[in-house]
Structure formats: C-alpha cells, structure tokens
C-alpha cells in the first residue's frame, strides 16, 4: 500500500509534518513497514481541504487530529 502525504506549502502549514510523524509511528507500532510505503510529494492540488494524503491514488484530507482514526480505518482496515 502506497501512502503519499503532501508536503507543499499549504499542507505544511496545516500540519503535514505532524501527520507524517504520526503515520510513521503508527506503521512502526503495528509492524507494517513491509506493507505500507510512506512517501512525500509536493502539492496534490487540493490545498483548501487540509493536508492531502493519497492511498493508492485515492485522495483524502487529513488534520493531525484525525490521523489516528484515518490510519485505523483507511490503512489498517484495508490491509
């Protein structure tokens, strides 16, 4: 599973660094390093909707506050 987090200017200001940190910790805590590939990318073109995260091409909007729930439903729930 490929998870790409936008690190462009708008998403950086909305907390992309914190989201990356949380996702890295959650992937490690669940021993999913061989199943989840975390990547960064510049501007996903959806700046107004929060930090843009794509999973295998599907676009999601995250904030640091909903990252754990997102991980549980969209990553753990689909592996």
N, C-alpha and C. Protein backbone atom coordinates (compact mmCIF):
# COMPACT_ATOMS: atom_id res chain seq x y z
N UNK A 1 0.85 -1.17 0.00
CA UNK A 1 0.00 0.00 0.00
C UNK A 1 0.90 1.23 0.00
N UNK A 2 0.64 2.14 -0.92
CA UNK A 2 1.42 3.37 -1.02
C UNK A 2 0.62 4.53 -0.46
N UNK A 3 1.18 5.21 0.53
CA UNK A 3 0.54 6.37 1.16
C UNK A 3 1.44 7.57 0.89
N UNK A 4 0.88 8.58 0.22
CA UNK A 4 1.64 9.77 -0.14
C UNK A 4 1.06 10.98 0.57
N UNK A 5 1.91 11.69 1.32
CA UNK A 5 1.50 12.86 2.08
C UNK A 5 2.03 14.10 1.40
N UNK A 6 1.16 15.08 1.16
CA UNK A 6 1.59 16.33 0.54
C UNK A 6 2.45 17.11 1.54
N UNK A 7 3.59 17.60 1.05
CA UNK A 7 4.46 18.43 1.89
C UNK A 7 4.64 19.82 1.27
N UNK A 8 3.71 20.19 0.41
CA UNK A 8 3.74 21.53 -0.19
C UNK A 8 3.46 22.59 0.87
N UNK A 9 3.59 23.84 0.49
CA UNK A 9 3.48 24.96 1.44
C UNK A 9 2.20 24.96 2.25
N UNK A 10 1.05 24.87 1.59
CA UNK A 10 -0.24 24.95 2.30
C UNK A 10 -0.39 23.77 3.25
N UNK A 11 -0.07 22.58 2.79
CA UNK A 11 -0.21 21.40 3.65
C UNK A 11 0.80 21.41 4.79
N UNK A 12 1.98 21.94 4.52
CA UNK A 12 2.98 22.05 5.59
C UNK A 12 2.44 22.94 6.71
N UNK A 13 1.83 24.05 6.33
CA UNK A 13 1.27 24.97 7.32
C UNK A 13 0.09 24.36 8.08
N UNK A 14 -0.59 23.39 7.46
CA UNK A 14 -1.75 22.75 8.10
C UNK A 14 -1.37 21.50 8.88
N UNK A 15 -0.07 21.18 8.97
CA UNK A 15 0.35 20.10 9.84
C UNK A 15 0.86 18.83 9.18
N UNK A 16 1.31 18.90 7.94
CA UNK A 16 1.77 17.68 7.28
C UNK A 16 2.94 17.02 8.02
N UNK A 17 3.80 17.82 8.61
CA UNK A 17 4.94 17.25 9.34
C UNK A 17 4.46 16.38 10.51
N UNK A 18 3.47 16.87 11.26
CA UNK A 18 2.92 16.12 12.39
C UNK A 18 2.20 14.85 11.89
N UNK A 19 1.50 14.95 10.78
CA UNK A 19 0.82 13.78 10.22
C UNK A 19 1.83 12.72 9.80
N UNK A 20 2.90 13.14 9.16
CA UNK A 20 3.96 12.19 8.77
C UNK A 20 4.52 11.50 9.99
N UNK A 21 4.81 12.27 11.04
CA UNK A 21 5.36 11.70 12.27
C UNK A 21 4.40 10.67 12.87
N UNK A 22 3.12 11.02 12.94
CA UNK A 22 2.13 10.10 13.50
C UNK A 22 2.02 8.83 12.66
N UNK A 23 1.97 8.98 11.34
CA UNK A 23 1.86 7.80 10.48
C UNK A 23 3.09 6.91 10.59
N UNK A 24 4.27 7.50 10.66
CA UNK A 24 5.50 6.71 10.83
C UNK A 24 5.43 5.91 12.13
N UNK A 25 5.00 6.55 13.21
CA UNK A 25 4.90 5.87 14.50
C UNK A 25 3.85 4.76 14.47
N UNK A 26 2.70 5.01 13.84
CA UNK A 26 1.64 4.01 13.77
C UNK A 26 2.04 2.82 12.90
N UNK A 27 2.72 3.08 11.80
CA UNK A 27 3.19 1.99 10.94
C UNK A 27 4.19 1.13 11.72
N UNK A 28 5.13 1.76 12.42
CA UNK A 28 6.13 1.01 13.19
C UNK A 28 5.48 0.24 14.34
N UNK A 29 4.55 0.87 15.05
CA UNK A 29 3.91 0.22 16.20
C UNK A 29 3.11 -1.01 15.78
N UNK A 30 2.60 -0.99 14.56
CA UNK A 30 1.81 -2.11 14.05
C UNK A 30 2.63 -3.06 13.17
N UNK A 31 3.94 -2.83 13.11
CA UNK A 31 4.87 -3.69 12.34
C UNK A 31 4.45 -3.82 10.88
N UNK A 32 4.12 -2.70 10.26
CA UNK A 32 3.64 -2.70 8.88
C UNK A 32 4.65 -2.12 7.89
N UNK A 33 5.90 -2.03 8.31
CA UNK A 33 6.92 -1.43 7.45
C UNK A 33 7.03 -2.11 6.09
N UNK A 34 6.76 -3.41 6.03
CA UNK A 34 6.86 -4.13 4.77
C UNK A 34 5.57 -4.06 3.95
N UNK A 35 4.50 -3.48 4.51
CA UNK A 35 3.22 -3.42 3.81
C UNK A 35 2.78 -2.00 3.45
N UNK A 36 3.32 -1.01 4.17
CA UNK A 36 2.92 0.38 3.95
C UNK A 36 4.15 1.19 3.56
N UNK A 37 4.07 1.83 2.41
CA UNK A 37 5.15 2.66 1.89
C UNK A 37 4.73 4.12 2.03
N UNK A 38 5.36 4.85 2.97
CA UNK A 38 5.05 6.26 3.19
C UNK A 38 5.94 7.11 2.30
N UNK A 39 5.33 8.03 1.56
CA UNK A 39 6.06 8.92 0.66
C UNK A 39 5.60 10.35 0.86
N UNK A 40 6.43 11.28 0.44
CA UNK A 40 6.06 12.69 0.43
C UNK A 40 5.98 13.16 -1.01
N UNK A 41 5.16 14.17 -1.26
CA UNK A 41 5.04 14.75 -2.59
C UNK A 41 4.67 16.23 -2.45
N UNK A 42 5.07 17.01 -3.42
CA UNK A 42 4.71 18.42 -3.41
C UNK A 42 3.37 18.61 -4.08
N UNK A 43 2.58 19.49 -3.57
CA UNK A 43 1.24 19.90 -3.99
C UNK A 43 0.44 18.86 -4.76
N UNK A 44 -0.60 18.40 -4.09
CA UNK A 44 -1.54 17.46 -4.68
C UNK A 44 -2.71 18.19 -5.35
N UNK A 45 -2.71 19.53 -5.30
CA UNK A 45 -3.72 20.32 -5.98
C UNK A 45 -5.05 20.44 -5.25
N UNK A 46 -5.08 20.13 -3.98
CA UNK A 46 -6.32 20.19 -3.21
C UNK A 46 -6.07 20.98 -1.92
N UNK A 47 -5.39 22.09 -2.05
CA UNK A 47 -4.86 22.84 -0.91
C UNK A 47 -5.91 23.31 0.10
N UNK A 48 -7.12 23.61 -0.35
CA UNK A 48 -8.12 24.17 0.55
C UNK A 48 -8.70 23.15 1.51
N UNK A 49 -8.47 21.87 1.29
CA UNK A 49 -9.12 20.83 2.09
C UNK A 49 -8.22 20.18 3.12
N UNK A 50 -7.24 20.87 3.60
CA UNK A 50 -6.38 20.27 4.62
C UNK A 50 -5.21 19.55 4.01
N UNK A 51 -4.53 18.78 4.80
CA UNK A 51 -3.35 18.05 4.30
C UNK A 51 -3.83 16.93 3.39
N UNK A 52 -3.35 16.94 2.18
CA UNK A 52 -3.75 15.94 1.19
C UNK A 52 -2.92 14.67 1.36
N UNK A 53 -3.62 13.57 1.45
CA UNK A 53 -2.97 12.26 1.56
C UNK A 53 -3.64 11.35 0.55
N UNK A 54 -2.84 10.66 -0.24
CA UNK A 54 -3.41 9.71 -1.18
C UNK A 54 -2.99 8.29 -0.79
N UNK A 55 -3.92 7.38 -0.94
CA UNK A 55 -3.63 5.96 -0.72
C UNK A 55 -3.94 5.27 -2.03
N UNK A 56 -2.90 4.76 -2.66
CA UNK A 56 -3.04 4.08 -3.94
C UNK A 56 -3.90 4.90 -4.90
N UNK A 57 -3.69 6.21 -4.93
CA UNK A 57 -4.38 7.10 -5.86
C UNK A 57 -5.65 7.75 -5.35
N UNK A 58 -6.22 7.28 -4.25
CA UNK A 58 -7.45 7.86 -3.71
C UNK A 58 -7.09 9.01 -2.76
N UNK A 59 -7.67 10.19 -3.02
CA UNK A 59 -7.34 11.40 -2.26
C UNK A 59 -8.16 11.51 -0.98
N UNK A 60 -7.47 11.86 0.11
CA UNK A 60 -8.10 12.07 1.42
C UNK A 60 -7.57 13.39 1.98
N UNK A 61 -8.34 14.03 2.84
CA UNK A 61 -7.91 15.25 3.52
C UNK A 61 -7.79 14.96 5.00
N UNK A 62 -6.62 15.28 5.56
CA UNK A 62 -6.35 14.97 6.97
C UNK A 62 -5.96 16.20 7.76
N UNK A 63 -6.06 16.05 9.05
CA UNK A 63 -5.50 17.00 10.00
C UNK A 63 -4.78 16.16 11.05
N UNK A 64 -3.89 16.77 11.81
CA UNK A 64 -3.21 15.99 12.86
C UNK A 64 -4.20 15.34 13.83
N UNK A 65 -5.36 15.98 14.03
CA UNK A 65 -6.34 15.46 14.98
C UNK A 65 -7.05 14.20 14.50
N UNK A 66 -7.20 13.99 13.20
CA UNK A 66 -7.91 12.81 12.73
C UNK A 66 -7.00 11.75 12.09
N UNK A 67 -5.70 11.90 12.26
CA UNK A 67 -4.75 10.98 11.62
C UNK A 67 -4.86 9.57 12.17
N UNK A 68 -4.99 9.41 13.49
CA UNK A 68 -5.06 8.07 14.07
C UNK A 68 -6.31 7.33 13.58
N UNK A 69 -7.44 8.01 13.56
CA UNK A 69 -8.68 7.41 13.07
C UNK A 69 -8.54 7.04 11.59
N UNK A 70 -7.94 7.92 10.82
CA UNK A 70 -7.69 7.65 9.40
C UNK A 70 -6.83 6.40 9.24
N UNK A 71 -5.78 6.30 10.02
CA UNK A 71 -4.89 5.14 9.95
C UNK A 71 -5.68 3.85 10.23
N UNK A 72 -6.48 3.89 11.28
CA UNK A 72 -7.23 2.68 11.67
C UNK A 72 -8.23 2.25 10.61
N UNK A 73 -8.93 3.21 9.98
CA UNK A 73 -9.96 2.85 9.01
C UNK A 73 -9.40 2.64 7.61
N UNK A 74 -8.57 3.57 7.14
CA UNK A 74 -8.13 3.54 5.76
C UNK A 74 -6.87 2.71 5.50
N UNK A 75 -6.07 2.52 6.52
CA UNK A 75 -4.84 1.72 6.33
C UNK A 75 -5.00 0.34 6.97
N UNK A 76 -5.17 0.31 8.29
CA UNK A 76 -5.35 -0.99 8.96
C UNK A 76 -6.58 -1.73 8.43
N UNK A 77 -7.65 -0.99 8.25
CA UNK A 77 -8.91 -1.59 7.81
C UNK A 77 -8.87 -2.16 6.40
N UNK A 78 -7.88 -1.77 5.61
CA UNK A 78 -7.81 -2.24 4.22
C UNK A 78 -6.64 -3.16 3.95
N UNK A 79 -5.90 -3.50 4.99
CA UNK A 79 -4.76 -4.42 4.77
C UNK A 79 -5.17 -5.84 4.94
